[in-house]
C-alpha atoms as a PDB file:
ATOM      1  CA  MET A   1      22.646   2.945   5.389  1.00  0.00           C
ATOM      2  CA  GLN A   2      22.466   6.704   5.666  1.00  0.00           C
ATOM      3  CA  LYS A   3      19.125   8.448   5.164  1.00  0.00           C
ATOM      4  CA  THR A   4      18.987  11.061   2.450  1.00  0.00           C
ATOM      5  CA  ILE A   5      17.610  14.533   3.037  1.00  0.00           C
ATOM      6  CA  GLU A   6      14.670  13.716   0.732  1.00  0.00           C
ATOM      7  CA  GLN A   7      13.687  10.701   2.850  1.00  0.00           C
ATOM      8  CA  ILE A   8      13.802  12.776   6.034  1.00  0.00           C
ATOM      9  CA  GLU A   9      11.795  15.615   4.431  1.00  0.00           C
ATOM     10  CA  THR A  10       9.189  13.170   3.095  1.00  0.00           C
ATOM     11  CA  LYS A  11       8.788  11.532   6.499  1.00  0.00           C
ATOM     12  CA  SER A  12       8.366  14.873   8.257  1.00  0.00           C
ATOM     13  CA  LEU A  13       5.815  16.042   5.660  1.00  0.00           C
ATOM     14  CA  LEU A  14       3.770  12.872   6.183  1.00  0.00           C
ATOM     15  CA  GLN A  15       3.837  13.384   9.940  1.00  0.00           C
ATOM     16  CA  LEU A  16       2.759  17.031   9.599  1.00  0.00           C
ATOM     17  CA  ASN A  17      -0.178  16.126   7.348  1.00  0.00           C
ATOM     18  CA  GLU A  18      -1.292  12.994   9.222  1.00  0.00           C
ATOM     19  CA  GLU A  19      -4.727  14.434  10.083  1.00  0.00           C
ATOM     20  CA  LYS A  20      -5.413  15.313   6.432  1.00  0.00           C
ATOM     21  CA  ARG A  21      -4.632  11.832   5.113  1.00  0.00           C
ATOM     22  CA  THR A  22      -7.352   9.321   4.278  1.00  0.00           C
ATOM     23  CA  LYS A  23      -7.189   5.538   4.204  1.00  0.00           C
ATOM     24  CA  CYS A  24      -6.722   4.083   0.738  1.00  0.00           C
ATOM     25  CA  LEU A  25      -8.359   0.731  -0.011  1.00  0.00           C
ATOM     26  CA  VAL A  26      -6.695  -1.498  -2.583  1.00  0.00           C
ATOM     27  CA  TYR A  27      -9.051  -3.781  -4.506  1.00  0.00           C
ATOM     28  CA  THR A  28      -8.087  -6.787  -6.569  1.00  0.00           C
ATOM     29  CA  ARG A  29     -10.064  -9.135  -8.771  1.00  0.00           C
ATOM     30  CA  VAL A  30     -10.648 -12.530  -7.178  1.00  0.00           C
ATOM     31  CA  MET A  31     -12.720 -15.268  -8.805  1.00  0.00           C
ATOM     32  CA  GLY A  32     -14.596 -12.857 -11.072  1.00  0.00           C
ATOM     33  CA  TYR A  33     -15.337 -10.051  -8.608  1.00  0.00           C
ATOM     34  CA  HIS A  34     -13.428  -7.282  -6.833  1.00  0.00           C
ATOM     35  CA  ARG A  35     -12.541  -7.480  -3.135  1.00  0.00           C
ATOM     36  CA  PRO A  36     -10.475  -5.224  -0.885  1.00  0.00           C
ATOM     37  CA  VAL A  37      -7.072  -6.713  -0.076  1.00  0.00           C
ATOM     38  CA  GLU A  38      -7.631  -5.595   3.527  1.00  0.00           C
ATOM     39  CA  SER A  39     -10.254  -8.317   3.980  1.00  0.00           C
ATOM     40  CA  PHE A  40      -7.931 -11.159   2.866  1.00  0.00           C
ATOM     41  CA  ASN A  41      -6.585 -13.729   5.314  1.00  0.00           C
ATOM     42  CA  ILE A  42      -2.835 -13.836   6.074  1.00  0.00           C
ATOM     43  CA  GLY A  43      -2.022 -16.353   3.343  1.00  0.00           C
ATOM     44  CA  LYS A  44      -3.911 -14.495   0.647  1.00  0.00           C
ATOM     45  CA  LYS A  45      -2.267 -11.182   1.642  1.00  0.00           C
ATOM     46  CA  GLY A  46       1.152 -12.829   1.308  1.00  0.00           C
ATOM     47  CA  GLU A  47       0.213 -14.199  -2.097  1.00  0.00           C
ATOM     48  CA  HIS A  48      -0.933 -10.734  -3.190  1.00  0.00           C
ATOM     49  CA  LYS A  49       2.419  -9.168  -2.142  1.00  0.00           C
ATOM     50  CA  GLN A  50       4.320 -11.735  -4.232  1.00  0.00           C
ATOM     51  CA  ARG A  51       2.444 -10.921  -7.432  1.00  0.00           C
ATOM     52  CA  THR A  52       4.325  -9.176 -10.214  1.00  0.00           C
ATOM     53  CA  HIS A  53       2.775  -5.830 -11.138  1.00  0.00           C
ATOM     54  CA  PHE A  54       3.191  -4.470 -14.649  1.00  0.00           C
ATOM     55  CA  ALA A  55       2.057  -1.525 -16.722  1.00  0.00           C
ATOM     56  CA  GLU A  56       0.742  -1.917 -20.256  1.00  0.00           C
END
């Protein structure tokens, strides 16, 4: 698969601005309260990736 110019430009822009970027935490509702996905165990992270996301 050949990379497009847009993909290459996007990658280089991300590399140039690496020091300006901040970590983004993703929270999800589990058993009535919100938890960061980062703190899940391996199985729960896999389950979260398999979920179907939708927009209302």
